[in-house]
PDB file of N, CA and C in Angstrom:
ATOM      1  N   MET A   1     121.184  74.379 195.617  1.00  0.00           N
ATOM      2  CA  MET A   1     121.135  75.800 195.854  1.00  0.00           C
ATOM      3  C   MET A   1     120.878  76.504 194.529  1.00  0.00           C
ATOM      4  N   GLU A   2     119.926  77.404 194.523  1.00  0.00           N
ATOM      5  CA  GLU A   2     119.568  78.136 193.306  1.00  0.00           C
ATOM      6  C   GLU A   2     120.671  79.130 192.957  1.00  0.00           C
ATOM      7  N   GLU A   3     120.963  79.239 191.665  1.00  0.00           N
ATOM      8  CA  GLU A   3     121.984  80.179 191.218  1.00  0.00           C
ATOM      9  C   GLU A   3     121.484  81.597 191.395  1.00  0.00           C
ATOM     10  N   ILE A   4     122.285  82.415 192.068  1.00  0.00           N
ATOM     11  CA  ILE A   4     121.957  83.822 192.264  1.00  0.00           C
ATOM     12  C   ILE A   4     123.068  84.619 191.596  1.00  0.00           C
ATOM     13  N   PRO A   5     122.795  85.198 190.431  1.00  0.00           N
ATOM     14  CA  PRO A   5     123.840  85.917 189.711  1.00  0.00           C
ATOM     15  C   PRO A   5     124.141  87.266 190.357  1.00  0.00           C
ATOM     16  N   MET A   6     125.349  87.749 190.116  1.00  0.00           N
ATOM     17  CA  MET A   6     125.718  89.095 190.539  1.00  0.00           C
ATOM     18  C   MET A   6     124.888  90.081 189.724  1.00  0.00           C
ATOM     19  N   LYS A   7     124.401  91.153 190.336  1.00  0.00           N
ATOM     20  CA  LYS A   7     123.533  92.121 189.664  1.00  0.00           C
ATOM     21  C   LYS A   7     124.341  93.235 188.996  1.00  0.00           C
ATOM     22  N   LEU A   8     123.850  93.719 187.864  1.00  0.00           N
ATOM     23  CA  LEU A   8     124.456  94.816 187.116  1.00  0.00           C
ATOM     24  C   LEU A   8     123.434  95.908 186.873  1.00  0.00           C
ATOM     25  N   ASN A   9     123.907  97.050 186.438  1.00  0.00           N
ATOM     26  CA  ASN A   9     123.004  98.143 186.095  1.00  0.00           C
ATOM     27  C   ASN A   9     122.501  98.049 184.666  1.00  0.00           C
ATOM     28  N   ASN A  10     123.326  97.535 183.740  1.00  0.00           N
ATOM     29  CA  ASN A  10     122.895  97.408 182.345  1.00  0.00           C
ATOM     30  C   ASN A  10     123.715  96.351 181.632  1.00  0.00           C
ATOM     31  N   THR A  11     123.354  96.064 180.392  1.00  0.00           N
ATOM     32  CA  THR A  11     124.020  95.036 179.610  1.00  0.00           C
ATOM     33  C   THR A  11     124.985  95.663 178.618  1.00  0.00           C
ATOM     34  N   ARG A  12     126.180  95.070 178.520  1.00  0.00           N
ATOM     35  CA  ARG A  12     127.151  95.628 177.587  1.00  0.00           C
ATOM     36  C   ARG A  12     127.750  94.585 176.651  1.00  0.00           C
ATOM     37  N   SER A  13     127.747  93.325 177.003  1.00  0.00           N
ATOM     38  CA  SER A  13     128.371  92.323 176.149  1.00  0.00           C
ATOM     39  C   SER A  13     127.424  91.166 175.890  1.00  0.00           C
ATOM     40  N   ASN A  14     127.744  90.360 174.870  1.00  0.00           N
ATOM     41  CA  ASN A  14     126.885  89.225 174.548  1.00  0.00           C
ATOM     42  C   ASN A  14     127.663  87.929 174.446  1.00  0.00           C
ATOM     43  N   SER A  15     128.910  87.916 174.944  1.00  0.00           N
ATOM     44  CA  SER A  15     129.690  86.690 174.971  1.00  0.00           C
ATOM     45  C   SER A  15     130.647  86.735 176.150  1.00  0.00           C
ATOM     46  N   TYR A  16     131.119  85.565 176.571  1.00  0.00           N
ATOM     47  CA  TYR A  16     132.073  85.490 177.674  1.00  0.00           C
ATOM     48  C   TYR A  16     133.373  86.164 177.272  1.00  0.00           C
ATOM     49  N   SER A  17     133.977  86.905 178.216  1.00  0.00           N
ATOM     50  CA  SER A  17     135.277  87.518 177.940  1.00  0.00           C
ATOM     51  C   SER A  17     136.063  87.703 179.229  1.00  0.00           C
ATOM     52  N   VAL A  18     137.374  87.732 179.089  1.00  0.00           N
ATOM     53  CA  VAL A  18     138.279  87.979 180.208  1.00  0.00           C
ATOM     54  C   VAL A  18     138.063  89.395 180.731  1.00  0.00           C
ATOM     55  N   ASP A  19     137.872  90.356 179.822  1.00  0.00           N
ATOM     56  CA  ASP A  19     137.685  91.746 180.223  1.00  0.00           C
ATOM     57  C   ASP A  19     136.446  91.916 181.106  1.00  0.00           C
ATOM     58  N   THR A  20     135.374  91.210 180.794  1.00  0.00           N
ATOM     59  CA  THR A  20     134.161  91.298 181.613  1.00  0.00           C
ATOM     60  C   THR A  20     134.426  90.751 183.005  1.00  0.00           C
ATOM     61  N   ALA A  21     135.149  89.654 183.107  1.00  0.00           N
ATOM     62  CA  ALA A  21     135.480  89.093 184.422  1.00  0.00           C
ATOM     63  C   ALA A  21     136.329  90.080 185.215  1.00  0.00           C
ATOM     64  N   LYS A  22     137.334  90.676 184.582  1.00  0.00           N
ATOM     65  CA  LYS A  22     138.216  91.627 185.268  1.00  0.00           C
ATOM     66  C   LYS A  22     137.472  92.884 185.699  1.00  0.00           C
ATOM     67  N   LYS A  23     136.426  93.230 184.989  1.00  0.00           N
ATOM     68  CA  LYS A  23     135.629  94.403 185.320  1.00  0.00           C
ATOM     69  C   LYS A  23     134.872  94.214 186.638  1.00  0.00           C
ATOM     70  N   HIS A  24     134.532  92.960 186.954  1.00  0.00           N
ATOM     71  CA  HIS A  24     133.695  92.684 188.115  1.00  0.00           C
ATOM     72  C   HIS A  24     134.432  92.019 189.268  1.00  0.00           C
ATOM     73  N   ILE A  25     135.539  91.348 188.994  1.00  0.00           N
ATOM     74  CA  ILE A  25     136.316  90.661 190.027  1.00  0.00           C
ATOM     75  C   ILE A  25     137.736  91.215 189.983  1.00  0.00           C
ATOM     76  N   ASP A  26     138.243  91.658 191.131  1.00  0.00           N
ATOM     77  CA  ASP A  26     139.592  92.204 191.223  1.00  0.00           C
ATOM     78  C   ASP A  26     140.570  91.048 191.425  1.00  0.00           C
ATOM     79  N   LEU A  27     141.287  90.682 190.375  1.00  0.00           N
ATOM     80  CA  LEU A  27     142.183  89.529 190.444  1.00  0.00           C
ATOM     81  C   LEU A  27     143.421  89.782 191.297  1.00  0.00           C
ATOM     82  N   SER A  28     143.632  91.023 191.755  1.00  0.00           N
ATOM     83  CA  SER A  28     144.758  91.308 192.646  1.00  0.00           C
ATOM     84  C   SER A  28     144.396  91.048 194.112  1.00  0.00           C
ATOM     85  N   LEU A  29     143.102  90.840 194.402  1.00  0.00           N
ATOM     86  CA  LEU A  29     142.649  90.537 195.758  1.00  0.00           C
ATOM     87  C   LEU A  29     142.359  89.048 195.887  1.00  0.00           C
ATOM     88  N   PRO A  30     142.508  88.495 197.114  1.00  0.00           N
ATOM     89  CA  PRO A  30     142.227  87.067 197.309  1.00  0.00           C
ATOM     90  C   PRO A  30     140.769  86.719 197.018  1.00  0.00           C
ATOM     91  N   ILE A  31     140.582  85.547 196.440  1.00  0.00           N
ATOM     92  CA  ILE A  31     139.252  84.978 196.209  1.00  0.00           C
ATOM     93  C   ILE A  31     139.196  83.683 197.006  1.00  0.00           C
ATOM     94  N   GLN A  32     138.149  83.544 197.841  1.00  0.00           N
ATOM     95  CA  GLN A  32     138.034  82.365 198.697  1.00  0.00           C
ATOM     96  C   GLN A  32     136.853  81.506 198.278  1.00  0.00           C
ATOM     97  N   CYS A  33     137.052  80.203 198.371  1.00  0.00           N
ATOM     98  CA  CYS A  33     135.999  79.238 198.057  1.00  0.00           C
ATOM     99  C   CYS A  33     135.136  79.027 199.299  1.00  0.00           C
ATOM    100  N   VAL A  34     133.820  79.182 199.147  1.00  0.00           N
ATOM    101  CA  VAL A  34     132.894  78.969 200.259  1.00  0.00           C
ATOM    102  C   VAL A  34     131.918  77.829 199.966  1.00  0.00           C
ATOM    103  N   THR A  35     132.291  76.963 199.046  1.00  0.00           N
ATOM    104  CA  THR A  35     131.441  75.845 198.654  1.00  0.00           C
ATOM    105  C   THR A  35     131.678  74.649 199.567  1.00  0.00           C
ATOM    106  N   SER A  36     130.582  74.028 200.016  1.00  0.00           N
ATOM    107  CA  SER A  36     130.704  72.810 200.809  1.00  0.00           C
ATOM    108  C   SER A  36     130.444  71.563 199.957  1.00  0.00           C
ATOM    109  N   PHE A  37     129.840  71.764 198.772  1.00  0.00           N
ATOM    110  CA  PHE A  37     129.662  70.672 197.814  1.00  0.00           C
ATOM    111  C   PHE A  37     129.574  71.270 196.421  1.00  0.00           C
ATOM    112  N   ILE A  38     129.946  70.491 195.428  1.00  0.00           N
ATOM    113  CA  ILE A  38     129.927  70.956 194.038  1.00  0.00           C
ATOM    114  C   ILE A  38     128.511  70.814 193.488  1.00  0.00           C
ATOM    115  N   GLU A  39     127.995  71.891 192.916  1.00  0.00           N
ATOM    116  CA  GLU A  39     126.669  71.867 192.304  1.00  0.00           C
ATOM    117  C   GLU A  39     126.802  71.374 190.865  1.00  0.00           C
ATOM    118  N   ILE A  40     126.035  70.363 190.523  1.00  0.00           N
ATOM    119  CA  ILE A  40     126.055  69.803 189.175  1.00  0.00           C
ATOM    120  C   ILE A  40     124.916  70.438 188.382  1.00  0.00           C
ATOM    121  N   GLN A  41     125.241  70.933 187.180  1.00  0.00           N
ATOM    122  CA  GLN A  41     124.218  71.496 186.301  1.00  0.00           C
ATOM    123  C   GLN A  41     123.899  70.475 185.220  1.00  0.00           C
ATOM    124  N   HIS A  42     122.613  70.293 184.968  1.00  0.00           N
ATOM    125  CA  HIS A  42     122.145  69.343 183.959  1.00  0.00           C
ATOM    126  C   HIS A  42     121.484  70.080 182.806  1.00  0.00           C
ATOM    127  N   LYS A  43     121.497  69.453 181.660  1.00  0.00           N
ATOM    128  CA  LYS A  43     120.804  69.983 180.494  1.00  0.00           C
ATOM    129  C   LYS A  43     119.304  69.748 180.669  1.00  0.00           C
ATOM    130  N   PHE A  44     118.523  70.745 180.254  1.00  0.00           N
ATOM    131  CA  PHE A  44     117.063  70.629 180.288  1.00  0.00           C
ATOM    132  C   PHE A  44     116.526  70.677 178.866  1.00  0.00           C
ATOM    133  N   ILE A  45     115.559  69.803 178.583  1.00  0.00           N
ATOM    134  CA  ILE A  45     114.863  69.805 177.297  1.00  0.00           C
ATOM    135  C   ILE A  45     113.374  69.849 177.608  1.00  0.00           C
ATOM    136  N   ASP A  46     112.685  70.850 177.064  1.00  0.00           N
ATOM    137  CA  ASP A  46     111.253  71.043 177.316  1.00  0.00           C
ATOM    138  C   ASP A  46     110.936  71.051 178.812  1.00  0.00           C
ATOM    139  N   ASN A  47     111.739  71.780 179.578  1.00  0.00           N
ATOM    140  CA  ASN A  47     111.587  71.913 181.035  1.00  0.00           C
ATOM    141  C   ASN A  47     111.765  70.608 181.805  1.00  0.00           C
ATOM    142  N   ASN A  48     112.365  69.602 181.177  1.00  0.00           N
ATOM    143  CA  ASN A  48     112.644  68.340 181.847  1.00  0.00           C
ATOM    144  C   ASN A  48     114.146  68.129 181.923  1.00  0.00           C
ATOM    145  N   ARG A  49     114.630  67.798 183.118  1.00  0.00           N
ATOM    146  CA  ARG A  49     116.054  67.582 183.316  1.00  0.00           C
ATOM    147  C   ARG A  49     116.493  66.279 182.659  1.00  0.00           C
ATOM    148  N   THR A  50     117.613  66.336 181.951  1.00  0.00           N
ATOM    149  CA  THR A  50     118.198  65.134 181.373  1.00  0.00           C
ATOM    150  C   THR A  50     119.352  64.684 182.262  1.00  0.00           C
ATOM    151  N   ASP A  51     119.966  63.567 181.931  1.00  0.00           N
ATOM    152  CA  ASP A  51     121.134  63.084 182.665  1.00  0.00           C
ATOM    153  C   ASP A  51     122.425  63.735 182.176  1.00  0.00           C
ATOM    154  N   GLU A  52     122.341  64.526 181.103  1.00  0.00           N
ATOM    155  CA  GLU A  52     123.531  65.162 180.546  1.00  0.00           C
ATOM    156  C   GLU A  52     124.000  66.300 181.448  1.00  0.00           C
ATOM    157  N   ILE A  53     125.258  66.242 181.863  1.00  0.00           N
ATOM    158  CA  ILE A  53     125.844  67.276 182.717  1.00  0.00           C
ATOM    159  C   ILE A  53     126.435  68.364 181.835  1.00  0.00           C
ATOM    160  N   THR A  54     126.060  69.623 182.144  1.00  0.00           N
ATOM    161  CA  THR A  54     126.555  70.757 181.359  1.00  0.00           C
ATOM    162  C   THR A  54     127.622  71.556 182.099  1.00  0.00           C
ATOM    163  N   GLY A  55     127.786  71.308 183.394  1.00  0.00           N
ATOM    164  CA  GLY A  55     128.812  72.031 184.133  1.00  0.00           C
ATOM    165  C   GLY A  55     128.722  71.800 185.625  1.00  0.00           C
ATOM    166  N   TYR A  56     129.687  72.398 186.320  1.00  0.00           N
ATOM    167  CA  TYR A  56     129.815  72.271 187.772  1.00  0.00           C
ATOM    168  C   TYR A  56     130.019  73.669 188.334  1.00  0.00           C
ATOM    169  N   LYS A  57     129.285  74.015 189.392  1.00  0.00           N
ATOM    170  CA  LYS A  57     129.384  75.361 189.960  1.00  0.00           C
ATOM    171  C   LYS A  57     129.886  75.309 191.389  1.00  0.00           C
ATOM    172  N   LEU A  58     130.720  76.298 191.707  1.00  0.00           N
ATOM    173  CA  LEU A  58     131.200  76.492 193.064  1.00  0.00           C
ATOM    174  C   LEU A  58     130.982  77.952 193.438  1.00  0.00           C
ATOM    175  N   TRP A  59     130.853  78.221 194.741  1.00  0.00           N
ATOM    176  CA  TRP A  59     130.623  79.566 195.266  1.00  0.00           C
ATOM    177  C   TRP A  59     131.921  80.148 195.803  1.00  0.00           C
ATOM    178  N   PHE A  60     132.081  81.471 195.606  1.00  0.00           N
ATOM    179  CA  PHE A  60     133.288  82.182 196.019  1.00  0.00           C
ATOM    180  C   PHE A  60     132.922  83.525 196.627  1.00  0.00           C
ATOM    181  N   ILE A  61     133.859  84.073 197.416  1.00  0.00           N
ATOM    182  CA  ILE A  61     133.707  85.408 197.966  1.00  0.00           C
ATOM    183  C   ILE A  61     134.994  86.191 197.757  1.00  0.00           C
ATOM    184  N   GLN A  62     134.831  87.507 197.736  1.00  0.00           N
ATOM    185  CA  GLN A  62     135.960  88.424 197.667  1.00  0.00           C
ATOM    186  C   GLN A  62     135.533  89.697 198.395  1.00  0.00           C
ATOM    187  N   LYS A  63     136.453  90.301 199.113  1.00  0.00           N
ATOM    188  CA  LYS A  63     136.147  91.533 199.841  1.00  0.00           C
ATOM    189  C   LYS A  63     135.510  92.543 198.896  1.00  0.00           C
ATOM    190  N   GLY A  64     134.394  93.093 199.326  1.00  0.00           N
ATOM    191  CA  GLY A  64     133.692  94.098 198.534  1.00  0.00           C
ATOM    192  C   GLY A  64     132.646  93.546 197.584  1.00  0.00           C
ATOM    193  N   LEU A  65     132.540  92.218 197.470  1.00  0.00           N
ATOM    194  CA  LEU A  65     131.568  91.598 196.561  1.00  0.00           C
ATOM    195  C   LEU A  65     130.625  90.686 197.328  1.00  0.00           C
ATOM    196  N   ASN A  66     129.410  90.548 196.819  1.00  0.00           N
ATOM    197  CA  ASN A  66     128.514  89.512 197.318  1.00  0.00           C
ATOM    198  C   ASN A  66     129.037  88.165 196.843  1.00  0.00           C
ATOM    199  N   PRO A  67     128.665  87.062 197.511  1.00  0.00           N
ATOM    200  CA  PRO A  67     129.083  85.747 197.014  1.00  0.00           C
ATOM    201  C   PRO A  67     128.651  85.557 195.558  1.00  0.00           C
ATOM    202  N   PHE A  68     129.490  84.849 194.791  1.00  0.00           N
ATOM    203  CA  PHE A  68     129.211  84.627 193.378  1.00  0.00           C
ATOM    204  C   PHE A  68     129.619  83.213 192.995  1.00  0.00           C
ATOM    205  N   THR A  69     129.051  82.729 191.887  1.00  0.00           N
ATOM    206  CA  THR A  69     129.373  81.386 191.415  1.00  0.00           C
ATOM    207  C   THR A  69     130.279  81.470 190.195  1.00  0.00           C
ATOM    208  N   ILE A  70     131.054  80.409 190.026  1.00  0.00           N
ATOM    209  CA  ILE A  70     131.851  80.232 188.816  1.00  0.00           C
ATOM    210  C   ILE A  70     131.575  78.822 188.318  1.00  0.00           C
ATOM    211  N   LYS A  71     131.297  78.722 187.026  1.00  0.00           N
ATOM    212  CA  LYS A  71     130.979  77.444 186.400  1.00  0.00           C
ATOM    213  C   LYS A  71     132.237  76.860 185.759  1.00  0.00           C
ATOM    214  N   PHE A  72     132.374  75.536 185.847  1.00  0.00           N
ATOM    215  CA  PHE A  72     133.462  74.797 185.225  1.00  0.00           C
ATOM    216  C   PHE A  72     132.867  73.711 184.338  1.00  0.00           C
ATOM    217  N   GLU A  73     133.452  73.494 183.161  1.00  0.00           N
ATOM    218  CA  GLU A  73     132.950  72.431 182.278  1.00  0.00           C
ATOM    219  C   GLU A  73     133.355  71.060 182.793  1.00  0.00           C
ATOM    220  N   GLU A  74     134.566  70.954 183.331  1.00  0.00           N
ATOM    221  CA  GLU A  74     135.038  69.694 183.907  1.00  0.00           C
ATOM    222  C   GLU A  74     134.954  69.787 185.419  1.00  0.00           C
ATOM    223  N   GLU A  75     134.636  68.676 186.064  1.00  0.00           N
ATOM    224  CA  GLU A  75     134.456  68.691 187.507  1.00  0.00           C
ATOM    225  C   GLU A  75     135.759  69.048 188.220  1.00  0.00           C
ATOM    226  N   PRO A  76     135.757  70.139 188.975  1.00  0.00           N
ATOM    227  CA  PRO A  76     136.971  70.524 189.703  1.00  0.00           C
ATOM    228  C   PRO A  76     137.088  69.750 191.005  1.00  0.00           C
ATOM    229  N   GLU A  77     138.294  69.749 191.572  1.00  0.00           N
ATOM    230  CA  GLU A  77     138.483  69.176 192.896  1.00  0.00           C
ATOM    231  C   GLU A  77     138.001  70.213 193.903  1.00  0.00           C
ATOM    232  N   LEU A  78     137.206  69.798 194.866  1.00  0.00           N
ATOM    233  CA  LEU A  78     136.654  70.714 195.847  1.00  0.00           C
ATOM    234  C   LEU A  78     137.730  71.122 196.845  1.00  0.00           C
ATOM    235  N   PRO A  79     138.081  72.415 196.891  1.00  0.00           N
ATOM    236  CA  PRO A  79     139.092  72.859 197.858  1.00  0.00           C
ATOM    237  C   PRO A  79     138.513  72.925 199.264  1.00  0.00           C
ATOM    238  N   ASP A  80     139.382  73.012 200.257  1.00  0.00           N
ATOM    239  CA  ASP A  80     138.927  73.192 201.633  1.00  0.00           C
ATOM    240  C   ASP A  80     138.164  74.506 201.754  1.00  0.00           C
ATOM    241  N   PHE A  81     137.225  74.562 202.680  1.00  0.00           N
ATOM    242  CA  PHE A  81     136.423  75.757 202.922  1.00  0.00           C
ATOM    243  C   PHE A  81     137.335  76.940 203.238  1.00  0.00           C
ATOM    244  N   LEU A  82     137.082  78.066 202.588  1.00  0.00           N
ATOM    245  CA  LEU A  82     137.822  79.328 202.715  1.00  0.00           C
ATOM    246  C   LEU A  82     139.238  79.281 202.138  1.00  0.00           C
ATOM    247  N   SER A  83     139.540  78.259 201.338  1.00  0.00           N
ATOM    248  CA  SER A  83     140.826  78.244 200.636  1.00  0.00           C
ATOM    249  C   SER A  83     140.889  79.419 199.684  1.00  0.00           C
ATOM    250  N   ILE A  84     142.082  79.992 199.533  1.00  0.00           N
ATOM    251  CA  ILE A  84     142.293  81.050 198.547  1.00  0.00           C
ATOM    252  C   ILE A  84     142.655  80.373 197.231  1.00  0.00           C
ATOM    253  N   VAL A  85     141.968  80.790 196.168  1.00  0.00           N
ATOM    254  CA  VAL A  85     142.129  80.130 194.873  1.00  0.00           C
ATOM    255  C   VAL A  85     142.443  81.136 193.775  1.00  0.00           C
ATOM    256  N   GLU A  86     142.979  80.618 192.682  1.00  0.00           N
ATOM    257  CA  GLU A  86     143.182  81.367 191.448  1.00  0.00           C
ATOM    258  C   GLU A  86     142.564  80.567 190.321  1.00  0.00           C
ATOM    259  N   PHE A  87     142.261  81.244 189.210  1.00  0.00           N
ATOM    260  CA  PHE A  87     141.570  80.608 188.098  1.00  0.00           C
ATOM    261  C   PHE A  87     142.374  80.676 186.816  1.00  0.00           C
ATOM    262  N   GLU A  88     142.198  79.667 185.990  1.00  0.00           N
ATOM    263  CA  GLU A  88     142.750  79.654 184.635  1.00  0.00           C
ATOM    264  C   GLU A  88     141.614  80.002 183.691  1.00  0.00           C
ATOM    265  N   GLN A  89     141.821  80.998 182.863  1.00  0.00           N
ATOM    266  CA  GLN A  89     140.846  81.453 181.867  1.00  0.00           C
ATOM    267  C   GLN A  89     139.506  81.838 182.490  1.00  0.00           C
ATOM    268  N   LEU A  90     139.550  82.712 183.503  1.00  0.00           N
ATOM    269  CA  LEU A  90     138.321  83.238 184.096  1.00  0.00           C
ATOM    270  C   LEU A  90     137.683  84.217 183.126  1.00  0.00           C
ATOM    271  N   GLU A  91     136.400  83.999 182.838  1.00  0.00           N
ATOM    272  CA  GLU A  91     135.664  84.851 181.911  1.00  0.00           C
ATOM    273  C   GLU A  91     134.300  85.190 182.512  1.00  0.00           C
ATOM    274  N   GLY A  92     133.741  86.292 182.062  1.00  0.00           N
ATOM    275  CA  GLY A  92     132.416  86.699 182.506  1.00  0.00           C
ATOM    276  C   GLY A  92     131.553  87.094 181.327  1.00  0.00           C
ATOM    277  N   ILE A  93     130.249  87.068 181.555  1.00  0.00           N
ATOM    278  CA  ILE A  93     129.298  87.512 180.536  1.00  0.00           C
ATOM    279  C   ILE A  93     128.195  88.288 181.241  1.00  0.00           C
ATOM    280  N   GLU A  94     127.795  89.399 180.656  1.00  0.00           N
ATOM    281  CA  GLU A  94     126.703  90.208 181.176  1.00  0.00           C
ATOM    282  C   GLU A  94     125.447  89.878 180.378  1.00  0.00           C
ATOM    283  N   ILE A  95     124.398  89.465 181.089  1.00  0.00           N
ATOM    284  CA  ILE A  95     123.113  89.150 180.461  1.00  0.00           C
ATOM    285  C   ILE A  95     122.046  89.907 181.233  1.00  0.00           C
ATOM    286  N   ARG A  96     121.366  90.797 180.516  1.00  0.00           N
ATOM    287  CA  ARG A  96     120.404  91.715 181.127  1.00  0.00           C
ATOM    288  C   ARG A  96     121.097  92.442 182.268  1.00  0.00           C
ATOM    289  N   SER A  97     120.637  92.307 183.493  1.00  0.00           N
ATOM    290  CA  SER A  97     121.291  93.006 184.606  1.00  0.00           C
ATOM    291  C   SER A  97     122.090  92.050 185.491  1.00  0.00           C
ATOM    292  N   ASN A  98     122.521  90.908 184.937  1.00  0.00           N
ATOM    293  CA  ASN A  98     123.291  89.910 185.686  1.00  0.00           C
ATOM    294  C   ASN A  98     124.639  89.660 185.028  1.00  0.00           C
ATOM    295  N   VAL A  99     125.583  89.163 185.819  1.00  0.00           N
ATOM    296  CA  VAL A  99     126.859  88.739 185.264  1.00  0.00           C
ATOM    297  C   VAL A  99     127.112  87.306 185.744  1.00  0.00           C
ATOM    298  N   TYR A 100     127.570  86.463 184.814  1.00  0.00           N
ATOM    299  CA  TYR A 100     127.874  85.061 185.088  1.00  0.00           C
ATOM    300  C   TYR A 100     129.347  84.831 184.772  1.00  0.00           C
ATOM    301  N   PHE A 101     129.964  83.876 185.505  1.00  0.00           N
ATOM    302  CA  PHE A 101     131.379  83.597 185.319  1.00  0.00           C
ATOM    303  C   PHE A 101     131.609  82.126 185.014  1.00  0.00           C
ATOM    304  N   LYS A 102     132.683  81.880 184.259  1.00  0.00           N
ATOM    305  CA  LYS A 102     133.140  80.502 184.032  1.00  0.00           C
ATOM    306  C   LYS A 102     134.662  80.534 184.008  1.00  0.00           C
ATOM    307  N   ALA A 103     135.258  79.388 184.285  1.00  0.00           N
ATOM    308  CA  ALA A 103     136.712  79.262 184.249  1.00  0.00           C
ATOM    309  C   ALA A 103     137.058  77.857 183.784  1.00  0.00           C
ATOM    310  N   LYS A 104     138.233  77.727 183.201  1.00  0.00           N
ATOM    311  CA  LYS A 104     138.671  76.413 182.748  1.00  0.00           C
ATOM    312  C   LYS A 104     139.106  75.557 183.933  1.00  0.00           C
ATOM    313  N   LYS A 105     139.931  76.128 184.811  1.00  0.00           N
ATOM    314  CA  LYS A 105     140.443  75.388 185.982  1.00  0.00           C
ATOM    315  C   LYS A 105     140.591  76.333 187.153  1.00  0.00           C
ATOM    316  N   MET A 106     140.809  75.720 188.316  1.00  0.00           N
ATOM    317  CA  MET A 106     141.028  76.457 189.546  1.00  0.00           C
ATOM    318  C   MET A 106     142.169  75.776 190.287  1.00  0.00           C
ATOM    319  N   LYS A 107     142.994  76.584 190.979  1.00  0.00           N
ATOM    320  CA  LYS A 107     144.037  75.979 191.814  1.00  0.00           C
ATOM    321  C   LYS A 107     144.063  76.680 193.156  1.00  0.00           C
ATOM    322  N   VAL A 108     144.361  75.926 194.203  1.00  0.00           N
ATOM    323  CA  VAL A 108     144.460  76.474 195.550  1.00  0.00           C
ATOM    324  C   VAL A 108     145.836  77.110 195.682  1.00  0.00           C
ATOM    325  N   VAL A 109     145.867  78.349 196.192  1.00  0.00           N
ATOM    326  CA  VAL A 109     147.151  79.028 196.405  1.00  0.00           C
ATOM    327  C   VAL A 109     147.470  79.183 197.882  1.00  0.00           C
ATOM    328  N   LYS A 110     146.463  78.984 198.739  1.00  0.00           N
ATOM    329  CA  LYS A 110     146.700  79.059 200.178  1.00  0.00           C
ATOM    330  C   LYS A 110     145.572  78.396 200.936  1.00  0.00           C
TER     331      LYS A 110
END
């Protein structure tokens, strides 16, 4: 599945931060996992995919937001569909008119 970033109106930051994630995701509302399989990201060199894994992506939803992805450096355990989850060190970055997220870990809370 192709990565579809959340859209923004303008760019404000140039590095991942907790504040950017909090600006776009309301951590007081439930976040549900809608991933049926973990997407593996590979490193590319000269437009050719290598065997080196750079991360793992899962899809999530929250009331009021379009579905969004969060990247993990270490392979997370895939939660059951629509499980409510929380994240450790959730961060976001705004690039052009998109926002991308990453987290260190995820845990199922319900």
